[in-house]
């Protein structure tokens, strides 16, 4: 009788070890705000937070600060990254500003800008009016310091 290297017991153990990977939860993205699911979530968006919550542009290459919009949803996985449809902006003292631009979540201070600004993201872009600091549906904010 020939043996083929793997016993039936070894195959069963291998199958048991590999099984969780097939139906495991969505992968997590490691951020300084904790692990966040990276998959799309089609549930109702309840709230938005930004990561990092506080940033100093001088501590980032070329002064470009990447922010993540993280949503809390009515279904799992939650919290999860909001992958698309996010409206980004910046304001200072509840007023629109051109001192900070935010493109796809990356904020950059304009030349000569100084002080603390609010970076905001709303996960509900279907609305008629967006105020100077977001607030068209669930909106998250973070503070950005420009040199």
N, C-alpha and C. Protein backbone atom coordinates (compact mmCIF):
# COMPACT_ATOMS: atom_id res chain seq x y z
N UNK A 1 0.83 -1.17 0.00
CA UNK A 1 0.00 0.00 0.00
C UNK A 1 0.88 1.24 0.00
N UNK A 2 0.59 2.19 -0.87
CA UNK A 2 1.37 3.41 -0.97
C UNK A 2 0.83 4.47 -0.02
N UNK A 3 1.76 5.31 0.47
CA UNK A 3 1.33 6.48 1.25
C UNK A 3 1.64 7.72 0.41
N UNK A 4 0.82 8.74 0.53
CA UNK A 4 0.95 9.92 -0.31
C UNK A 4 1.35 11.17 0.46
N UNK A 5 1.99 11.05 1.57
CA UNK A 5 2.53 12.21 2.28
C UNK A 5 1.57 12.83 3.29
N UNK A 6 0.33 13.02 2.93
CA UNK A 6 -0.64 13.62 3.83
C UNK A 6 -1.64 12.56 4.25
N UNK A 7 -1.79 12.40 5.53
CA UNK A 7 -2.78 11.45 6.03
C UNK A 7 -4.16 12.11 5.98
N UNK A 8 -5.17 11.31 6.15
CA UNK A 8 -6.53 11.82 6.19
C UNK A 8 -6.68 12.82 7.33
N UNK A 9 -6.07 12.53 8.46
CA UNK A 9 -6.12 13.44 9.60
C UNK A 9 -5.48 14.79 9.25
N UNK A 10 -4.34 14.76 8.57
CA UNK A 10 -3.67 16.00 8.16
C UNK A 10 -4.54 16.82 7.21
N UNK A 11 -5.22 16.16 6.28
CA UNK A 11 -6.10 16.85 5.35
C UNK A 11 -7.28 17.49 6.07
N UNK A 12 -7.85 16.78 7.05
CA UNK A 12 -8.96 17.33 7.82
C UNK A 12 -8.52 18.55 8.62
N UNK A 13 -7.35 18.48 9.23
CA UNK A 13 -6.84 19.63 9.99
C UNK A 13 -6.60 20.80 9.06
N UNK A 14 -6.00 20.57 7.91
CA UNK A 14 -5.75 21.62 6.93
C UNK A 14 -7.07 22.25 6.46
N UNK A 15 -8.07 21.43 6.19
CA UNK A 15 -9.37 21.95 5.76
C UNK A 15 -10.01 22.78 6.87
N UNK A 16 -9.87 22.34 8.12
CA UNK A 16 -10.45 23.09 9.24
C UNK A 16 -9.77 24.44 9.41
N UNK A 17 -8.46 24.47 9.28
CA UNK A 17 -7.70 25.72 9.44
C UNK A 17 -8.03 26.69 8.31
N UNK A 18 -8.22 26.24 7.11
CA UNK A 18 -8.46 27.12 5.97
C UNK A 18 -9.92 27.58 5.89
N UNK A 19 -10.85 26.87 6.46
CA UNK A 19 -12.27 27.19 6.35
C UNK A 19 -12.62 28.59 6.84
N UNK A 20 -12.12 29.09 7.98
CA UNK A 20 -12.50 30.43 8.42
C UNK A 20 -12.14 31.52 7.42
N UNK A 21 -11.11 31.31 6.63
CA UNK A 21 -10.70 32.34 5.67
C UNK A 21 -11.74 32.52 4.57
N UNK A 22 -12.50 31.49 4.28
CA UNK A 22 -13.47 31.59 3.20
C UNK A 22 -14.67 32.46 3.56
N UNK A 23 -15.09 32.44 4.81
CA UNK A 23 -16.27 33.20 5.19
C UNK A 23 -15.95 34.22 6.28
N UNK A 24 -14.70 34.62 6.36
CA UNK A 24 -14.30 35.51 7.45
C UNK A 24 -14.82 36.92 7.21
N UNK A 25 -14.88 37.72 8.28
CA UNK A 25 -15.32 39.10 8.14
C UNK A 25 -14.43 39.87 7.18
N UNK A 26 -14.92 41.03 6.77
CA UNK A 26 -14.17 41.86 5.84
C UNK A 26 -12.83 42.26 6.45
N UNK A 27 -11.79 42.43 5.61
CA UNK A 27 -10.50 42.83 6.15
C UNK A 27 -10.60 44.21 6.81
N UNK A 28 -9.75 44.42 7.78
CA UNK A 28 -9.73 45.69 8.49
C UNK A 28 -8.57 46.54 7.98
N UNK A 29 -8.79 47.83 7.95
CA UNK A 29 -7.75 48.78 7.59
C UNK A 29 -7.21 49.33 8.90
N UNK A 30 -5.91 49.27 9.10
CA UNK A 30 -5.33 49.78 10.34
C UNK A 30 -5.12 51.29 10.19
N UNK A 31 -5.69 52.03 11.11
CA UNK A 31 -5.52 53.48 11.14
C UNK A 31 -5.18 53.85 12.57
N UNK A 32 -4.77 55.09 12.78
CA UNK A 32 -4.53 55.51 14.16
C UNK A 32 -5.84 55.67 14.90
N UNK A 33 -6.96 55.46 14.24
CA UNK A 33 -8.26 55.51 14.88
C UNK A 33 -8.79 54.11 15.16
N UNK A 34 -7.98 53.10 14.97
CA UNK A 34 -8.39 51.72 15.21
C UNK A 34 -8.72 51.01 13.92
N UNK A 35 -8.98 49.72 13.99
CA UNK A 35 -9.31 48.96 12.77
C UNK A 35 -10.70 49.33 12.25
N UNK A 36 -10.78 49.48 10.95
CA UNK A 36 -12.03 49.88 10.29
C UNK A 36 -12.23 48.97 9.09
N UNK A 37 -13.44 48.47 8.91
CA UNK A 37 -13.72 47.61 7.75
C UNK A 37 -13.52 48.40 6.47
N UNK A 38 -12.96 47.77 5.47
CA UNK A 38 -12.66 48.47 4.22
C UNK A 38 -13.70 48.21 3.13
N UNK A 39 -14.72 47.45 3.43
CA UNK A 39 -15.69 47.11 2.39
C UNK A 39 -16.78 48.16 2.25
N UNK A 40 -17.47 48.09 1.12
CA UNK A 40 -18.63 48.95 0.92
C UNK A 40 -19.75 48.48 1.84
N UNK A 41 -20.49 49.42 2.39
CA UNK A 41 -21.62 49.06 3.23
C UNK A 41 -22.84 49.74 2.62
N UNK A 42 -23.88 48.97 2.39
CA UNK A 42 -25.08 49.53 1.75
C UNK A 42 -26.16 49.88 2.77
N UNK A 43 -25.84 49.72 4.05
CA UNK A 43 -26.81 50.06 5.10
C UNK A 43 -26.94 51.56 5.25
N UNK A 44 -27.85 51.97 6.11
CA UNK A 44 -28.06 53.39 6.36
C UNK A 44 -26.90 54.00 7.12
N UNK A 45 -26.41 55.12 6.64
CA UNK A 45 -25.31 55.82 7.28
C UNK A 45 -25.86 56.61 8.46
N UNK A 46 -25.35 56.34 9.66
CA UNK A 46 -25.83 57.01 10.86
C UNK A 46 -24.95 58.18 11.29
N UNK A 47 -23.63 58.01 11.17
CA UNK A 47 -22.72 59.08 11.56
C UNK A 47 -21.41 58.94 10.80
N UNK A 48 -20.63 60.03 10.80
CA UNK A 48 -19.35 60.07 10.11
C UNK A 48 -18.30 60.60 11.08
N UNK A 49 -17.13 60.02 11.06
CA UNK A 49 -15.99 60.56 11.79
C UNK A 49 -14.81 60.60 10.85
N UNK A 50 -13.87 61.49 11.13
CA UNK A 50 -12.68 61.60 10.31
C UNK A 50 -11.47 61.11 11.08
N UNK A 51 -10.54 60.58 10.35
CA UNK A 51 -9.31 60.08 10.93
C UNK A 51 -8.15 60.62 10.10
N UNK A 52 -7.19 61.32 10.67
CA UNK A 52 -7.05 61.65 12.08
C UNK A 52 -8.04 62.74 12.49
N UNK A 53 -8.27 62.87 13.77
CA UNK A 53 -9.18 63.90 14.26
C UNK A 53 -8.49 65.24 14.41
N UNK A 54 -7.18 65.22 14.59
CA UNK A 54 -6.37 66.43 14.71
C UNK A 54 -5.09 66.21 13.93
N UNK A 55 -4.69 67.19 13.12
CA UNK A 55 -3.47 67.04 12.32
C UNK A 55 -2.77 68.39 12.18
N UNK A 56 -1.46 68.33 12.09
CA UNK A 56 -0.63 69.51 11.84
C UNK A 56 0.01 69.31 10.47
N UNK A 57 -0.29 70.19 9.54
CA UNK A 57 0.20 70.04 8.16
C UNK A 57 1.72 69.97 8.09
N UNK A 58 2.42 70.57 9.05
CA UNK A 58 3.88 70.55 9.04
C UNK A 58 4.44 69.15 9.27
N UNK A 59 3.64 68.25 9.79
CA UNK A 59 4.10 66.90 10.10
C UNK A 59 3.86 65.92 8.95
N UNK A 60 3.40 66.41 7.81
CA UNK A 60 3.09 65.54 6.67
C UNK A 60 3.90 65.96 5.45
N UNK A 61 4.28 65.00 4.63
CA UNK A 61 5.05 65.32 3.43
C UNK A 61 4.31 66.33 2.55
N UNK A 62 5.01 67.37 2.14
CA UNK A 62 4.45 68.44 1.29
C UNK A 62 3.23 69.10 1.92
N UNK A 63 3.03 68.93 3.24
CA UNK A 63 1.90 69.54 3.91
C UNK A 63 0.55 68.97 3.50
N UNK A 64 0.56 67.81 2.85
CA UNK A 64 -0.68 67.18 2.40
C UNK A 64 -1.12 66.14 3.44
N UNK A 65 -2.28 66.38 4.03
CA UNK A 65 -2.77 65.53 5.12
C UNK A 65 -3.91 64.65 4.60
N UNK A 66 -3.71 63.32 4.57
CA UNK A 66 -4.78 62.42 4.13
C UNK A 66 -5.74 62.13 5.28
N UNK A 67 -7.02 62.36 5.04
CA UNK A 67 -8.06 62.04 6.01
C UNK A 67 -8.89 60.88 5.48
N UNK A 68 -9.40 60.06 6.40
CA UNK A 68 -10.32 58.98 6.06
C UNK A 68 -11.70 59.34 6.60
N UNK A 69 -12.73 59.10 5.80
CA UNK A 69 -14.11 59.26 6.26
C UNK A 69 -14.60 57.88 6.67
N UNK A 70 -14.98 57.75 7.93
CA UNK A 70 -15.40 56.47 8.49
C UNK A 70 -16.86 56.59 8.89
N UNK A 71 -17.68 55.67 8.39
CA UNK A 71 -19.11 55.72 8.67
C UNK A 71 -19.54 54.65 9.65
N UNK A 72 -20.51 55.01 10.47
CA UNK A 72 -21.19 54.04 11.31
C UNK A 72 -22.52 53.76 10.62
N UNK A 73 -22.78 52.49 10.33
CA UNK A 73 -23.93 52.08 9.54
C UNK A 73 -24.93 51.29 10.36
N UNK A 74 -26.12 51.15 9.82
CA UNK A 74 -27.16 50.36 10.47
C UNK A 74 -26.95 48.86 10.27
N UNK A 75 -26.06 48.49 9.34
CA UNK A 75 -25.76 47.08 9.08
C UNK A 75 -24.26 46.86 9.19
N UNK A 76 -23.87 45.59 9.23
CA UNK A 76 -22.44 45.25 9.31
C UNK A 76 -21.85 45.14 7.92
N UNK A 77 -20.58 45.39 7.69
CA UNK A 77 -19.61 45.76 8.71
C UNK A 77 -19.72 47.23 9.08
N UNK A 78 -19.55 47.51 10.34
CA UNK A 78 -19.61 48.87 10.83
C UNK A 78 -18.76 48.97 12.08
N UNK A 79 -17.94 49.98 12.19
CA UNK A 79 -17.73 51.09 11.26
C UNK A 79 -16.99 50.62 10.02
N UNK A 80 -17.12 51.40 8.95
CA UNK A 80 -16.48 51.06 7.68
C UNK A 80 -16.09 52.34 6.96
N UNK A 81 -15.06 52.23 6.13
CA UNK A 81 -14.67 53.38 5.31
C UNK A 81 -15.82 53.73 4.38
N UNK A 82 -16.01 55.01 4.15
CA UNK A 82 -17.00 55.45 3.17
C UNK A 82 -16.21 55.58 1.86
N UNK A 83 -16.39 54.65 0.94
CA UNK A 83 -15.51 54.57 -0.22
C UNK A 83 -15.76 55.61 -1.30
N UNK A 84 -16.98 56.10 -1.40
CA UNK A 84 -17.27 57.06 -2.48
C UNK A 84 -18.47 57.91 -2.08
N UNK A 85 -18.70 58.96 -2.84
CA UNK A 85 -19.86 59.81 -2.59
C UNK A 85 -19.67 60.76 -1.42
N UNK A 86 -18.43 60.90 -0.95
CA UNK A 86 -18.16 61.81 0.16
C UNK A 86 -17.92 63.21 -0.40
N UNK A 87 -18.55 64.20 0.22
CA UNK A 87 -18.31 65.60 -0.13
C UNK A 87 -17.39 66.16 0.95
N UNK A 88 -16.23 66.72 0.52
CA UNK A 88 -15.22 67.23 1.43
C UNK A 88 -15.16 68.75 1.36
N UNK A 89 -14.72 69.37 2.44
CA UNK A 89 -14.52 70.81 2.45
C UNK A 89 -13.76 71.25 3.68
N UNK A 90 -13.55 72.55 3.78
CA UNK A 90 -12.86 73.13 4.93
C UNK A 90 -13.50 74.47 5.25
N UNK A 91 -13.43 74.84 6.51
CA UNK A 91 -13.96 76.13 6.95
C UNK A 91 -13.13 76.62 8.13
N UNK A 92 -13.33 77.86 8.47
CA UNK A 92 -12.69 78.44 9.66
C UNK A 92 -13.70 79.36 10.32
N UNK A 93 -13.91 79.18 11.60
CA UNK A 93 -14.89 79.99 12.34
C UNK A 93 -16.27 79.97 11.69
N UNK A 94 -16.68 78.79 11.25
CA UNK A 94 -17.99 78.59 10.61
C UNK A 94 -18.16 79.39 9.31
N UNK A 95 -17.05 79.75 8.68
CA UNK A 95 -17.08 80.49 7.41
C UNK A 95 -16.30 79.70 6.35
N UNK A 96 -16.75 79.79 5.11
CA UNK A 96 -16.00 79.18 4.00
C UNK A 96 -14.60 79.76 3.96
N UNK A 97 -13.66 78.98 3.49
CA UNK A 97 -12.29 79.45 3.37
C UNK A 97 -11.65 78.89 2.12
N UNK A 98 -10.75 79.67 1.56
CA UNK A 98 -9.92 79.20 0.44
C UNK A 98 -8.51 78.87 0.93
N UNK A 99 -8.29 79.00 2.23
CA UNK A 99 -6.97 78.74 2.80
C UNK A 99 -6.62 77.25 2.82
N UNK A 100 -7.62 76.40 2.80
CA UNK A 100 -7.41 74.95 2.81
C UNK A 100 -8.26 74.34 1.71
N UNK A 101 -7.64 73.49 0.90
CA UNK A 101 -8.39 72.73 -0.11
C UNK A 101 -8.38 71.26 0.31
N UNK A 102 -9.48 70.60 0.03
CA UNK A 102 -9.59 69.17 0.35
C UNK A 102 -10.05 68.46 -0.91
N UNK A 103 -9.17 67.59 -1.44
CA UNK A 103 -9.47 66.84 -2.65
C UNK A 103 -9.41 65.35 -2.32
N UNK A 104 -10.53 64.67 -2.48
CA UNK A 104 -10.61 63.23 -2.20
C UNK A 104 -10.04 62.88 -0.83
N UNK A 105 -10.27 63.74 0.15
CA UNK A 105 -9.84 63.46 1.51
C UNK A 105 -8.46 63.97 1.87
N UNK A 106 -7.72 64.51 0.91
CA UNK A 106 -6.38 65.04 1.21
C UNK A 106 -6.46 66.55 1.31
N UNK A 107 -6.11 67.05 2.50
CA UNK A 107 -6.17 68.49 2.77
C UNK A 107 -4.79 69.12 2.58
N UNK A 108 -4.80 70.34 2.04
CA UNK A 108 -3.54 71.07 1.84
C UNK A 108 -3.78 72.54 2.16
N UNK A 109 -2.87 73.10 2.93
CA UNK A 109 -2.94 74.52 3.28
C UNK A 109 -2.40 75.35 2.12
N UNK A 110 -3.06 76.45 1.82
CA UNK A 110 -2.59 77.36 0.78
C UNK A 110 -1.38 78.13 1.32
N UNK A 111 -0.58 78.66 0.43
CA UNK A 111 0.56 79.49 0.83
C UNK A 111 0.05 80.65 1.67
N UNK A 112 0.68 80.87 2.80
CA UNK A 112 0.30 81.97 3.67
C UNK A 112 -0.81 81.65 4.67
N UNK A 113 -1.44 80.49 4.54
CA UNK A 113 -2.50 80.12 5.48
C UNK A 113 -1.88 79.79 6.84
N UNK A 114 -2.51 80.25 7.90
CA UNK A 114 -2.04 79.89 9.24
C UNK A 114 -3.22 79.85 10.19
N UNK A 115 -3.11 79.01 11.19
CA UNK A 115 -4.18 78.87 12.17
C UNK A 115 -4.80 77.50 12.11
N UNK A 116 -5.92 77.37 12.80
CA UNK A 116 -6.64 76.10 12.88
C UNK A 116 -7.88 76.16 12.01
N UNK A 117 -8.08 75.12 11.23
CA UNK A 117 -9.20 75.03 10.29
C UNK A 117 -9.97 73.75 10.59
N UNK A 118 -11.22 73.73 10.19
CA UNK A 118 -12.04 72.53 10.31
C UNK A 118 -12.13 71.87 8.94
N UNK A 119 -11.71 70.63 8.87
CA UNK A 119 -11.91 69.82 7.67
C UNK A 119 -13.17 69.01 7.92
N UNK A 120 -14.07 68.96 6.96
CA UNK A 120 -15.32 68.23 7.14
C UNK A 120 -15.59 67.30 5.95
N UNK A 121 -16.39 66.30 6.24
CA UNK A 121 -16.83 65.36 5.20
C UNK A 121 -18.25 64.95 5.51
N UNK A 122 -19.07 64.99 4.49
CA UNK A 122 -20.44 64.51 4.65
C UNK A 122 -20.63 63.30 3.74
N UNK A 123 -21.24 62.29 4.28
CA UNK A 123 -21.43 61.05 3.53
C UNK A 123 -22.76 61.02 2.80
N UNK A 124 -23.45 62.13 2.75
CA UNK A 124 -24.75 62.19 2.11
C UNK A 124 -24.78 63.35 1.11
N UNK A 125 -24.18 63.15 -0.07
CA UNK A 125 -24.05 64.26 -1.02
C UNK A 125 -25.33 64.66 -1.74
N UNK A 126 -26.40 63.91 -1.56
CA UNK A 126 -27.64 64.24 -2.27
C UNK A 126 -28.45 65.20 -1.40
N UNK A 127 -28.27 66.49 -1.65
CA UNK A 127 -29.00 67.50 -0.90
C UNK A 127 -28.99 68.79 -1.72
N UNK A 128 -29.78 69.71 -1.31
CA UNK A 128 -29.88 70.96 -2.05
C UNK A 128 -28.85 71.99 -1.63
N UNK A 129 -28.53 72.05 -0.33
CA UNK A 129 -27.62 73.07 0.17
C UNK A 129 -26.66 72.44 1.17
N UNK A 130 -25.37 72.73 1.00
CA UNK A 130 -24.36 72.33 1.96
C UNK A 130 -23.84 73.61 2.59
N UNK A 131 -23.85 73.68 3.91
CA UNK A 131 -23.37 74.86 4.61
C UNK A 131 -21.86 74.99 4.53
N UNK A 132 -21.32 76.05 5.09
CA UNK A 132 -19.86 76.28 5.01
C UNK A 132 -19.05 75.19 5.69
N UNK A 133 -19.63 74.51 6.67
CA UNK A 133 -18.92 73.44 7.37
C UNK A 133 -19.64 72.11 7.23
N UNK A 134 -20.19 71.86 6.06
CA UNK A 134 -20.85 70.59 5.79
C UNK A 134 -22.29 70.57 6.24
N UNK A 135 -22.62 69.58 7.05
CA UNK A 135 -23.93 69.41 7.66
C UNK A 135 -25.06 69.20 6.67
N UNK A 136 -24.85 68.37 5.70
CA UNK A 136 -25.92 67.93 4.81
C UNK A 136 -26.01 66.43 5.02
N UNK A 137 -26.69 66.04 6.05
CA UNK A 137 -26.70 64.64 6.43
C UNK A 137 -25.57 64.39 7.40
N UNK A 138 -25.24 63.12 7.68
CA UNK A 138 -24.17 62.81 8.62
C UNK A 138 -22.86 63.46 8.19
N UNK A 139 -22.27 64.25 9.08
CA UNK A 139 -21.03 64.98 8.77
C UNK A 139 -20.02 64.78 9.89
N UNK A 140 -18.79 64.54 9.51
CA UNK A 140 -17.70 64.41 10.48
C UNK A 140 -16.73 65.55 10.30
N UNK A 141 -16.03 65.92 11.38
CA UNK A 141 -15.07 67.01 11.30
C UNK A 141 -13.75 66.62 11.95
N UNK A 142 -12.71 67.34 11.57
CA UNK A 142 -11.38 67.18 12.16
C UNK A 142 -10.73 68.56 12.16
N UNK A 143 -9.71 68.70 12.97
CA UNK A 143 -8.99 69.99 13.04
C UNK A 143 -7.66 69.87 12.31
N UNK A 144 -7.37 70.88 11.50
CA UNK A 144 -6.11 70.95 10.75
C UNK A 144 -5.41 72.25 11.11
N UNK A 145 -4.15 72.15 11.51
CA UNK A 145 -3.36 73.33 11.80
C UNK A 145 -2.45 73.61 10.62
N UNK A 146 -2.54 74.83 10.12
CA UNK A 146 -1.66 75.28 9.04
C UNK A 146 -0.54 76.11 9.66
N UNK A 147 0.65 76.05 9.10
CA UNK A 147 1.78 76.78 9.70
C UNK A 147 1.55 78.26 9.80
